[in-house]
Amino acid sequence: MKQAGTIFGVQWRQPSVLPGFGLTLGFTIFYLSLIVLIPLAALLARPAELGWPGFWAAVTAPRVLASLRLSFGAALIGALVNAVFGLVTAWVLVRYRFPFRPVIDALIDLPFALPTAVAGIALTTLYAPNGWIGQLLVPLGIKVAFTPLGVALALTFIGLPFVVRTIQPVLQDLERELEEAAASLGAGRLKVFRYVILPTIAPALLTGFALAFARAVGEYGSVIFIAGNMPMKSEIAPLLIVIKLEQYDYAGAAAIAVVMLAASFAMLLVLNLLQRWARRHEEARA
């Protein structure tokens, strides 16, 4: 976009750094089509080989439904846990100064840098029945590795940075004067958090939750080691897609992928609408 201005009564336009709107928009559409839209179109077209009856039979098979329930259920649990403890972690990192704080801050990004397979092996080593933590849980009747609980644990591990890094800059920009003013008017800590802090960070919290959920739904590498991969019990949908691909059932694999894509898109759309509503509500209050 060119910026308009006036010098000695003469209108002029300052050239922008990037080319004009038409060229940049065309390049954007071309790039998105090449990277996103065309692969998605191919994904949607492949299950058409099955026809509607074949597609419905493929996605409603008991084994497929069990894997979808586990993938979305564990991803939702992991995202909810991260929404709570990610907020607490971001709050501690922003509001307090303590020894080794930079080290802890750097450890938050570890799931980003760590290969997912390495993360899965590490979690399995820790939470297996003979692992350092797992052997302490066995006498309590708690089994983590090779169960759906292990799947939820792995998805919580890989989703934590999304919540922390989304909320952290918002907390840093939050004006402390608003909290002090509310406290001076007699508001307790709970009311200050509910009416001052939470409305401000709500859009960022929903964004972090959505990112953690979306990342967890498609996670593969860190889950297959700790899940046990038992059909109808601890088998995730991405693994079932890989199994069907190995069996040359490309249409069946694409059918499961289409269901995951539709469900993920629907949930992200709902979360985006909630974010927009939260922003409008905050602007109306301001």
C-alpha atoms as a PDB file:
ATOM      1  CA  MET A   1       0.000   0.000   0.000  1.00  0.00           C
ATOM      2  CA  LYS A   2       1.309   3.489  -0.882  1.00  0.00           C
ATOM      3  CA  GLN A   3       1.306   6.169   1.755  1.00  0.00           C
ATOM      4  CA  ALA A   4      -0.220   9.515   0.745  1.00  0.00           C
ATOM      5  CA  GLY A   5       1.215  12.870   1.764  1.00  0.00           C
ATOM      6  CA  THR A   6       1.335  16.566   0.932  1.00  0.00           C
ATOM      7  CA  ILE A   7       4.373  18.778   0.319  1.00  0.00           C
ATOM      8  CA  PHE A   8       3.790  22.474  -0.416  1.00  0.00           C
ATOM      9  CA  GLY A   9       0.193  21.689  -1.278  1.00  0.00           C
ATOM     10  CA  VAL A  10       1.156  19.004  -3.816  1.00  0.00           C
ATOM     11  CA  GLN A  11      -0.216  15.507  -3.365  1.00  0.00           C
ATOM     12  CA  TRP A  12       2.333  12.708  -3.604  1.00  0.00           C
ATOM     13  CA  ARG A  13       2.591   9.028  -2.848  1.00  0.00           C
ATOM     14  CA  GLN A  14       5.519   7.345  -1.230  1.00  0.00           C
ATOM     15  CA  PRO A  15       6.381   4.080  -3.002  1.00  0.00           C
ATOM     16  CA  SER A  16       5.933   1.039  -0.780  1.00  0.00           C
ATOM     17  CA  VAL A  17       8.693  -1.482  -0.208  1.00  0.00           C
ATOM     18  CA  LEU A  18       6.664  -4.335  -1.720  1.00  0.00           C
ATOM     19  CA  PRO A  19       4.979  -4.292  -5.145  1.00  0.00           C
ATOM     20  CA  GLY A  20       1.369  -3.181  -5.554  1.00  0.00           C
ATOM     21  CA  PHE A  21      -1.683  -4.847  -4.083  1.00  0.00           C
ATOM     22  CA  GLY A  22      -2.645  -6.707  -7.247  1.00  0.00           C
ATOM     23  CA  LEU A  23       0.751  -8.366  -7.701  1.00  0.00           C
ATOM     24  CA  THR A  24       1.216  -9.301  -4.048  1.00  0.00           C
ATOM     25  CA  LEU A  25      -2.346 -10.645  -3.803  1.00  0.00           C
ATOM     26  CA  GLY A  26      -1.814 -12.745  -6.920  1.00  0.00           C
ATOM     27  CA  PHE A  27       1.419 -14.147  -5.548  1.00  0.00           C
ATOM     28  CA  THR A  28      -0.253 -14.881  -2.203  1.00  0.00           C
ATOM     29  CA  ILE A  29      -3.107 -16.788  -3.848  1.00  0.00           C
ATOM     30  CA  PHE A  30      -0.676 -18.681  -6.088  1.00  0.00           C
ATOM     31  CA  TYR A  31       1.553 -19.634  -3.154  1.00  0.00           C
ATOM     32  CA  LEU A  32      -1.353 -20.734  -0.959  1.00  0.00           C
ATOM     33  CA  SER A  33      -2.833 -22.724  -3.827  1.00  0.00           C
ATOM     34  CA  LEU A  34       0.462 -24.483  -4.473  1.00  0.00           C
ATOM     35  CA  ILE A  35       1.245 -25.238  -0.823  1.00  0.00           C
ATOM     36  CA  VAL A  36      -2.204 -25.654   0.767  1.00  0.00           C
ATOM     37  CA  LEU A  37      -5.217 -25.683  -1.538  1.00  0.00           C
ATOM     38  CA  ILE A  38      -4.031 -28.135  -4.211  1.00  0.00           C
ATOM     39  CA  PRO A  39      -2.852 -30.806  -1.692  1.00  0.00           C
ATOM     40  CA  LEU A  40      -6.122 -30.443   0.212  1.00  0.00           C
ATOM     41  CA  ALA A  41      -8.093 -30.766  -3.005  1.00  0.00           C
ATOM     42  CA  ALA A  42      -6.198 -33.957  -3.840  1.00  0.00           C
ATOM     43  CA  LEU A  43      -6.911 -35.242  -0.330  1.00  0.00           C
ATOM     44  CA  LEU A  44     -10.623 -34.581  -0.743  1.00  0.00           C
ATOM     45  CA  ALA A  45     -10.703 -36.134  -4.219  1.00  0.00           C
ATOM     46  CA  ARG A  46      -9.047 -39.434  -3.314  1.00  0.00           C
ATOM     47  CA  PRO A  47     -11.867 -40.843  -1.123  1.00  0.00           C
ATOM     48  CA  ALA A  48     -14.284 -40.214  -4.001  1.00  0.00           C
ATOM     49  CA  GLU A  49     -13.034 -43.498  -5.450  1.00  0.00           C
ATOM     50  CA  LEU A  50     -14.909 -45.297  -2.683  1.00  0.00           C
ATOM     51  CA  GLY A  51     -18.243 -43.627  -3.320  1.00  0.00           C
ATOM     52  CA  TRP A  52     -20.435 -42.446  -0.459  1.00  0.00           C
ATOM     53  CA  PRO A  53     -21.307 -45.962   0.845  1.00  0.00           C
ATOM     54  CA  GLY A  54     -17.647 -47.004   0.759  1.00  0.00           C
ATOM     55  CA  PHE A  55     -16.517 -43.763   2.382  1.00  0.00           C
ATOM     56  CA  TRP A  56     -19.080 -44.103   5.172  1.00  0.00           C
ATOM     57  CA  ALA A  57     -18.131 -47.727   5.753  1.00  0.00           C
ATOM     58  CA  ALA A  58     -14.438 -46.803   5.898  1.00  0.00           C
ATOM     59  CA  VAL A  59     -14.808 -44.012   8.456  1.00  0.00           C
ATOM     60  CA  THR A  60     -17.379 -45.748  10.671  1.00  0.00           C
ATOM     61  CA  ALA A  61     -15.472 -49.002  11.108  1.00  0.00           C
ATOM     62  CA  PRO A  62     -15.103 -49.756  14.841  1.00  0.00           C
ATOM     63  CA  ARG A  63     -11.318 -49.616  14.700  1.00  0.00           C
ATOM     64  CA  VAL A  64     -11.394 -46.230  12.927  1.00  0.00           C
ATOM     65  CA  LEU A  65     -13.921 -44.758  15.367  1.00  0.00           C
ATOM     66  CA  ALA A  66     -11.865 -45.957  18.334  1.00  0.00           C
ATOM     67  CA  SER A  67      -8.697 -44.354  16.953  1.00  0.00           C
ATOM     68  CA  LEU A  68     -10.500 -41.079  16.204  1.00  0.00           C
ATOM     69  CA  ARG A  69     -11.982 -40.958  19.700  1.00  0.00           C
ATOM     70  CA  LEU A  70      -8.550 -41.498  21.209  1.00  0.00           C
ATOM     71  CA  SER A  71      -6.805 -38.923  19.008  1.00  0.00           C
ATOM     72  CA  PHE A  72      -9.334 -36.144  19.521  1.00  0.00           C
ATOM     73  CA  GLY A  73     -10.084 -37.017  23.141  1.00  0.00           C
ATOM     74  CA  ALA A  74      -6.429 -37.152  24.188  1.00  0.00           C
ATOM     75  CA  ALA A  75      -5.672 -33.987  22.200  1.00  0.00           C
ATOM     76  CA  LEU A  76      -8.529 -32.176  23.934  1.00  0.00           C
ATOM     77  CA  ILE A  77      -7.376 -33.347  27.372  1.00  0.00           C
ATOM     78  CA  GLY A  78      -3.790 -32.319  26.641  1.00  0.00           C
ATOM     79  CA  ALA A  79      -4.868 -28.889  25.375  1.00  0.00           C
ATOM     80  CA  LEU A  80      -7.064 -28.296  28.452  1.00  0.00           C
ATOM     81  CA  VAL A  81      -4.247 -29.279  30.820  1.00  0.00           C
ATOM     82  CA  ASN A  82      -1.857 -26.984  28.961  1.00  0.00           C
ATOM     83  CA  ALA A  83      -4.374 -24.134  29.053  1.00  0.00           C
ATOM     84  CA  VAL A  84      -4.338 -24.263  32.856  1.00  0.00           C
ATOM     85  CA  PHE A  85      -0.714 -25.055  33.631  1.00  0.00           C
ATOM     86  CA  GLY A  86       0.596 -23.129  30.613  1.00  0.00           C
ATOM     87  CA  LEU A  87      -1.086 -20.018  32.006  1.00  0.00           C
ATOM     88  CA  VAL A  88       0.462 -20.647  35.423  1.00  0.00           C
ATOM     89  CA  THR A  89       3.894 -21.212  33.861  1.00  0.00           C
ATOM     90  CA  ALA A  90       3.682 -18.043  31.757  1.00  0.00           C
ATOM     91  CA  TRP A  91       2.566 -16.068  34.830  1.00  0.00           C
ATOM     92  CA  VAL A  92       5.546 -17.273  36.888  1.00  0.00           C
ATOM     93  CA  LEU A  93       8.020 -16.518  34.106  1.00  0.00           C
ATOM     94  CA  VAL A  94       6.644 -13.002  33.562  1.00  0.00           C
ATOM     95  CA  ARG A  95       5.852 -11.836  37.093  1.00  0.00           C
ATOM     96  CA  TYR A  96       8.665 -13.342  39.186  1.00  0.00           C
ATOM     97  CA  ARG A  97      12.434 -13.226  39.209  1.00  0.00           C
ATOM     98  CA  PHE A  98      14.233 -16.261  40.635  1.00  0.00           C
ATOM     99  CA  PRO A  99      17.461 -18.226  40.120  1.00  0.00           C
ATOM    100  CA  PHE A 100      17.786 -20.246  36.918  1.00  0.00           C
ATOM    101  CA  ARG A 101      14.790 -18.468  35.396  1.00  0.00           C
ATOM    102  CA  PRO A 102      16.481 -18.209  31.936  1.00  0.00           C
ATOM    103  CA  VAL A 103      17.157 -21.947  32.031  1.00  0.00           C
ATOM    104  CA  ILE A 104      13.517 -22.757  32.796  1.00  0.00           C
ATOM    105  CA  ASP A 105      12.398 -20.289  30.140  1.00  0.00           C
ATOM    106  CA  ALA A 106      14.601 -22.046  27.595  1.00  0.00           C
ATOM    107  CA  LEU A 107      13.314 -25.482  28.633  1.00  0.00           C
ATOM    108  CA  ILE A 108       9.800 -24.426  27.602  1.00  0.00           C
ATOM    109  CA  ASP A 109      10.913 -24.516  23.962  1.00  0.00           C
ATOM    110  CA  LEU A 110      12.483 -27.959  24.289  1.00  0.00           C
ATOM    111  CA  PRO A 111       9.485 -29.798  22.717  1.00  0.00           C
ATOM    112  CA  PHE A 112       9.948 -27.549  19.663  1.00  0.00           C
ATOM    113  CA  ALA A 113      13.584 -28.518  19.167  1.00  0.00           C
ATOM    114  CA  LEU A 114      13.478 -32.121  20.369  1.00  0.00           C
ATOM    115  CA  PRO A 115      12.725 -34.702  17.650  1.00  0.00           C
ATOM    116  CA  THR A 116       9.323 -36.223  18.345  1.00  0.00           C
ATOM    117  CA  ALA A 117      10.669 -39.777  18.270  1.00  0.00           C
ATOM    118  CA  VAL A 118      13.259 -38.871  20.908  1.00  0.00           C
ATOM    119  CA  ALA A 119      10.534 -37.344  23.055  1.00  0.00           C
ATOM    120  CA  GLY A 120       8.460 -40.516  22.747  1.00  0.00           C
ATOM    121  CA  ILE A 121      11.368 -42.753  23.707  1.00  0.00           C
ATOM    122  CA  ALA A 122      12.218 -40.526  26.684  1.00  0.00           C
ATOM    123  CA  LEU A 123       8.633 -40.528  27.956  1.00  0.00           C
ATOM    124  CA  THR A 124       8.386 -44.289  27.539  1.00  0.00           C
ATOM    125  CA  THR A 125      11.638 -44.784  29.437  1.00  0.00           C
ATOM    126  CA  LEU A 126      10.361 -42.665  32.310  1.00  0.00           C
ATOM    127  CA  TYR A 127       6.792 -43.967  32.542  1.00  0.00           C
ATOM    128  CA  ALA A 128       7.196 -47.644  31.622  1.00  0.00           C
ATOM    129  CA  PRO A 129       6.398 -50.059  34.479  1.00  0.00           C
ATOM    130  CA  ASN A 130      10.139 -50.435  35.091  1.00  0.00           C
ATOM    131  CA  GLY A 131      10.945 -46.753  34.447  1.00  0.00           C
ATOM    132  CA  TRP A 132      12.070 -44.155  36.963  1.00  0.00           C
ATOM    133  CA  ILE A 133       8.588 -42.709  37.447  1.00  0.00           C
ATOM    134  CA  GLY A 134       6.522 -45.647  36.232  1.00  0.00           C
ATOM    135  CA  GLN A 135       7.823 -48.014  38.911  1.00  0.00           C
ATOM    136  CA  LEU A 136       6.631 -45.564  41.558  1.00  0.00           C
ATOM    137  CA  LEU A 137       3.133 -45.460  40.038  1.00  0.00           C
ATOM    138  CA  VAL A 138       2.681 -49.214  39.646  1.00  0.00           C
ATOM    139  CA  PRO A 139       2.107 -49.846  43.389  1.00  0.00           C
ATOM    140  CA  LEU A 140      -0.627 -47.187  43.217  1.00  0.00           C
ATOM    141  CA  GLY A 141      -2.348 -49.058  40.410  1.00  0.00           C
ATOM    142  CA  ILE A 142      -1.530 -46.358  37.850  1.00  0.00           C
ATOM    143  CA  LYS A 143      -0.183 -47.473  34.491  1.00  0.00           C
ATOM    144  CA  VAL A 144       0.872 -44.714  32.117  1.00  0.00           C
ATOM    145  CA  ALA A 145       2.931 -46.244  29.324  1.00  0.00           C
ATOM    146  CA  PHE A 146       1.091 -48.294  26.688  1.00  0.00           C
ATOM    147  CA  THR A 147      -2.290 -46.885  27.726  1.00  0.00           C
ATOM    148  CA  PRO A 148      -4.489 -43.944  26.603  1.00  0.00           C
ATOM    149  CA  LEU A 149      -3.126 -42.059  29.605  1.00  0.00           C
ATOM    150  CA  GLY A 150       0.324 -42.238  28.046  1.00  0.00           C
ATOM    151  CA  VAL A 151      -1.086 -40.818  24.798  1.00  0.00           C
ATOM    152  CA  ALA A 152      -2.569 -37.858  26.683  1.00  0.00           C
ATOM    153  CA  LEU A 153       0.737 -37.346  28.500  1.00  0.00           C
ATOM    154  CA  ALA A 154       2.712 -37.227  25.242  1.00  0.00           C
ATOM    155  CA  LEU A 155       0.258 -34.794  23.672  1.00  0.00           C
ATOM    156  CA  THR A 156       0.433 -32.580  26.748  1.00  0.00           C
ATOM    157  CA  PHE A 157       4.222 -32.558  26.500  1.00  0.00           C
ATOM    158  CA  ILE A 158       4.346 -31.414  22.882  1.00  0.00           C
ATOM    159  CA  GLY A 159       1.589 -28.792  23.294  1.00  0.00           C
ATOM    160  CA  LEU A 160       2.869 -26.859  26.320  1.00  0.00           C
ATOM    161  CA  PRO A 161       5.087 -24.354  24.427  1.00  0.00           C
ATOM    162  CA  PHE A 162       2.201 -23.204  22.240  1.00  0.00           C
ATOM    163  CA  VAL A 163       0.194 -22.023  25.243  1.00  0.00           C
ATOM    164  CA  VAL A 164       3.096 -20.500  27.175  1.00  0.00           C
ATOM    165  CA  ARG A 165       4.571 -18.603  24.237  1.00  0.00           C
ATOM    166  CA  THR A 166       1.159 -17.284  23.198  1.00  0.00           C
ATOM    167  CA  ILE A 167       0.191 -15.964  26.631  1.00  0.00           C
ATOM    168  CA  GLN A 168       3.630 -14.727  27.720  1.00  0.00           C
ATOM    169  CA  PRO A 169       3.829 -11.558  25.557  1.00  0.00           C
ATOM    170  CA  VAL A 170       0.268 -10.569  26.508  1.00  0.00           C
ATOM    171  CA  LEU A 171       1.110 -10.823  30.206  1.00  0.00           C
ATOM    172  CA  GLN A 172       4.261  -8.776  29.630  1.00  0.00           C
ATOM    173  CA  ASP A 173       2.228  -5.970  28.026  1.00  0.00           C
ATOM    174  CA  LEU A 174      -0.518  -6.096  30.670  1.00  0.00           C
ATOM    175  CA  GLU A 175      -0.574  -2.844  32.620  1.00  0.00           C
ATOM    176  CA  ARG A 176      -0.005  -3.444  36.308  1.00  0.00           C
ATOM    177  CA  GLU A 177      -1.766  -0.146  37.082  1.00  0.00           C
ATOM    178  CA  LEU A 178      -5.115  -1.731  36.221  1.00  0.00           C
ATOM    179  CA  GLU A 179      -4.587  -4.450  38.804  1.00  0.00           C
ATOM    180  CA  GLU A 180      -3.430  -1.932  41.404  1.00  0.00           C
ATOM    181  CA  ALA A 181      -6.450   0.277  40.721  1.00  0.00           C
ATOM    182  CA  ALA A 182      -8.836  -2.655  41.107  1.00  0.00           C
ATOM    183  CA  ALA A 183      -7.115  -3.695  44.340  1.00  0.00           C
ATOM    184  CA  SER A 184      -7.300  -0.148  45.696  1.00  0.00           C
ATOM    185  CA  LEU A 185     -11.065  -0.198  45.096  1.00  0.00           C
ATOM    186  CA  GLY A 186     -11.400  -3.246  47.311  1.00  0.00           C
ATOM    187  CA  ALA A 187     -11.296  -6.060  44.764  1.00  0.00           C
ATOM    188  CA  GLY A 188      -9.738  -9.297  45.993  1.00  0.00           C
ATOM    189  CA  ARG A 189      -7.231 -11.338  44.065  1.00  0.00           C
ATOM    190  CA  LEU A 190      -9.904 -13.570  42.560  1.00  0.00           C
ATOM    191  CA  LYS A 191     -11.959 -10.624  41.346  1.00  0.00           C
ATOM    192  CA  VAL A 192      -8.876  -8.906  39.923  1.00  0.00           C
ATOM    193  CA  PHE A 193      -8.016 -12.029  37.980  1.00  0.00           C
ATOM    194  CA  ARG A 194     -11.588 -12.603  36.806  1.00  0.00           C
ATOM    195  CA  TYR A 195     -12.507  -9.064  35.778  1.00  0.00           C
ATOM    196  CA  VAL A 196      -9.166  -7.483  34.884  1.00  0.00           C
ATOM    197  CA  ILE A 197      -6.622 -10.123  33.868  1.00  0.00           C
ATOM    198  CA  LEU A 198      -8.726 -12.908  32.360  1.00  0.00           C
ATOM    199  CA  PRO A 199     -10.646 -10.734  29.833  1.00  0.00           C
ATOM    200  CA  THR A 200      -7.332  -9.352  28.586  1.00  0.00           C
ATOM    201  CA  ILE A 201      -5.575 -12.671  28.128  1.00  0.00           C
ATOM    202  CA  ALA A 202      -8.652 -14.660  27.019  1.00  0.00           C
ATOM    203  CA  PRO A 203      -8.006 -14.280  23.237  1.00  0.00           C
ATOM    204  CA  ALA A 204      -4.379 -15.337  23.675  1.00  0.00           C
ATOM    205  CA  LEU A 205      -5.414 -18.221  25.916  1.00  0.00           C
ATOM    206  CA  LEU A 206      -7.901 -19.465  23.314  1.00  0.00           C
ATOM    207  CA  THR A 207      -5.254 -19.107  20.599  1.00  0.00           C
ATOM    208  CA  GLY A 208      -2.740 -21.145  22.598  1.00  0.00           C
ATOM    209  CA  PHE A 209      -5.398 -23.767  23.324  1.00  0.00           C
ATOM    210  CA  ALA A 210      -6.277 -24.008  19.617  1.00  0.00           C
ATOM    211  CA  LEU A 211      -2.630 -24.317  18.577  1.00  0.00           C
ATOM    212  CA  ALA A 212      -1.937 -26.979  21.203  1.00  0.00           C
ATOM    213  CA  PHE A 213      -5.028 -28.930  20.177  1.00  0.00           C
ATOM    214  CA  ALA A 214      -4.270 -28.730  16.451  1.00  0.00           C
ATOM    215  CA  ARG A 215      -0.672 -29.804  17.043  1.00  0.00           C
ATOM    216  CA  ALA A 216      -1.734 -32.714  19.231  1.00  0.00           C
ATOM    217  CA  VAL A 217      -4.364 -34.102  16.848  1.00  0.00           C
ATOM    218  CA  GLY A 218      -1.813 -34.811  14.145  1.00  0.00           C
ATOM    219  CA  GLU A 219       1.051 -35.874  16.422  1.00  0.00           C
ATOM    220  CA  TYR A 220       2.657 -39.184  15.508  1.00  0.00           C
ATOM    221  CA  GLY A 221       6.304 -39.592  16.462  1.00  0.00           C
ATOM    222  CA  SER A 222       6.125 -38.956  20.188  1.00  0.00           C
ATOM    223  CA  VAL A 223       2.961 -41.047  20.640  1.00  0.00           C
ATOM    224  CA  ILE A 224       3.650 -44.356  18.915  1.00  0.00           C
ATOM    225  CA  PHE A 225       6.352 -45.337  21.405  1.00  0.00           C
ATOM    226  CA  ILE A 226       4.394 -44.672  24.587  1.00  0.00           C
ATOM    227  CA  ALA A 227       0.938 -45.650  23.279  1.00  0.00           C
ATOM    228  CA  GLY A 228       1.536 -49.353  22.785  1.00  0.00           C
ATOM    229  CA  ASN A 229      -0.487 -49.150  19.527  1.00  0.00           C
ATOM    230  CA  MET A 230      -3.065 -51.721  20.533  1.00  0.00           C
ATOM    231  CA  PRO A 231      -6.091 -51.640  18.188  1.00  0.00           C
ATOM    232  CA  MET A 232      -9.341 -50.493  19.819  1.00  0.00           C
ATOM    233  CA  LYS A 233      -7.407 -49.356  22.899  1.00  0.00           C
ATOM    234  CA  SER A 234      -4.314 -47.215  22.353  1.00  0.00           C
ATOM    235  CA  GLU A 235      -4.091 -46.833  18.575  1.00  0.00           C
ATOM    236  CA  ILE A 236      -4.181 -43.243  17.319  1.00  0.00           C
ATOM    237  CA  ALA A 237      -5.695 -42.147  14.012  1.00  0.00           C
ATOM    238  CA  PRO A 238      -2.398 -40.984  12.396  1.00  0.00           C
ATOM    239  CA  LEU A 239      -0.933 -44.447  13.035  1.00  0.00           C
ATOM    240  CA  LEU A 240      -3.981 -46.082  11.463  1.00  0.00           C
ATOM    241  CA  ILE A 241      -3.511 -43.861   8.396  1.00  0.00           C
ATOM    242  CA  VAL A 242       0.104 -45.039   8.120  1.00  0.00           C
ATOM    243  CA  ILE A 243      -1.023 -48.675   8.452  1.00  0.00           C
ATOM    244  CA  LYS A 244      -3.542 -48.252   5.639  1.00  0.00           C
ATOM    245  CA  LEU A 245      -0.899 -46.624   3.460  1.00  0.00           C
ATOM    246  CA  GLU A 246       1.411 -49.584   4.057  1.00  0.00           C
ATOM    247  CA  GLN A 247      -1.453 -51.812   2.964  1.00  0.00           C
ATOM    248  CA  TYR A 248      -1.858 -49.705  -0.218  1.00  0.00           C
ATOM    249  CA  ASP A 249      -5.330 -48.657   0.882  1.00  0.00           C
ATOM    250  CA  TYR A 250      -4.806 -45.057  -0.183  1.00  0.00           C
ATOM    251  CA  ALA A 251      -8.500 -44.240  -0.465  1.00  0.00           C
ATOM    252  CA  GLY A 252      -9.184 -45.578   3.041  1.00  0.00           C
ATOM    253  CA  ALA A 253      -6.271 -43.607   4.482  1.00  0.00           C
ATOM    254  CA  ALA A 254      -7.483 -40.456   2.731  1.00  0.00           C
ATOM    255  CA  ALA A 255     -11.004 -41.026   4.089  1.00  0.00           C
ATOM    256  CA  ILE A 256      -9.726 -41.035   7.682  1.00  0.00           C
ATOM    257  CA  ALA A 257      -7.609 -37.971   6.939  1.00  0.00           C
ATOM    258  CA  VAL A 258     -10.667 -36.133   5.560  1.00  0.00           C
ATOM    259  CA  VAL A 259     -12.611 -36.823   8.756  1.00  0.00           C
ATOM    260  CA  MET A 260      -9.709 -35.543  10.870  1.00  0.00           C
ATOM    261  CA  LEU A 261      -9.389 -32.474   8.647  1.00  0.00           C
ATOM    262  CA  ALA A 262     -13.110 -31.675   8.869  1.00  0.00           C
ATOM    263  CA  ALA A 263     -13.254 -32.148  12.638  1.00  0.00           C
ATOM    264  CA  SER A 264     -10.110 -30.069  13.237  1.00  0.00           C
ATOM    265  CA  PHE A 265     -11.315 -27.297  10.938  1.00  0.00           C
ATOM    266  CA  ALA A 266     -14.714 -27.185  12.658  1.00  0.00           C
ATOM    267  CA  MET A 267     -13.146 -26.909  16.121  1.00  0.00           C
ATOM    268  CA  LEU A 268     -10.656 -24.259  15.025  1.00  0.00           C
ATOM    269  CA  LEU A 269     -13.488 -22.302  13.391  1.00  0.00           C
ATOM    270  CA  VAL A 270     -15.463 -22.369  16.631  1.00  0.00           C
ATOM    271  CA  LEU A 271     -12.414 -21.222  18.596  1.00  0.00           C
ATOM    272  CA  ASN A 272     -11.764 -18.387  16.131  1.00  0.00           C
ATOM    273  CA  LEU A 273     -15.366 -17.240  16.493  1.00  0.00           C
ATOM    274  CA  LEU A 274     -14.962 -17.321  20.268  1.00  0.00           C
ATOM    275  CA  GLN A 275     -11.780 -15.259  19.963  1.00  0.00           C
ATOM    276  CA  ARG A 276     -13.555 -12.682  17.827  1.00  0.00           C
ATOM    277  CA  TRP A 277     -16.429 -12.529  20.304  1.00  0.00           C
ATOM    278  CA  ALA A 278     -13.985 -12.087  23.195  1.00  0.00           C
ATOM    279  CA  ARG A 279     -12.205  -9.220  21.406  1.00  0.00           C
ATOM    280  CA  ARG A 280     -15.472  -7.468  20.603  1.00  0.00           C
ATOM    281  CA  HIS A 281     -16.663  -7.917  24.165  1.00  0.00           C
ATOM    282  CA  GLU A 282     -13.419  -6.460  25.482  1.00  0.00           C
ATOM    283  CA  GLU A 283     -13.628  -3.501  23.057  1.00  0.00           C
ATOM    284  CA  ALA A 284     -17.227  -2.861  24.109  1.00  0.00           C
ATOM    285  CA  ARG A 285     -16.206  -2.832  27.770  1.00  0.00           C
ATOM    286  CA  ALA A 286     -13.341  -0.446  27.004  1.00  0.00           C
END
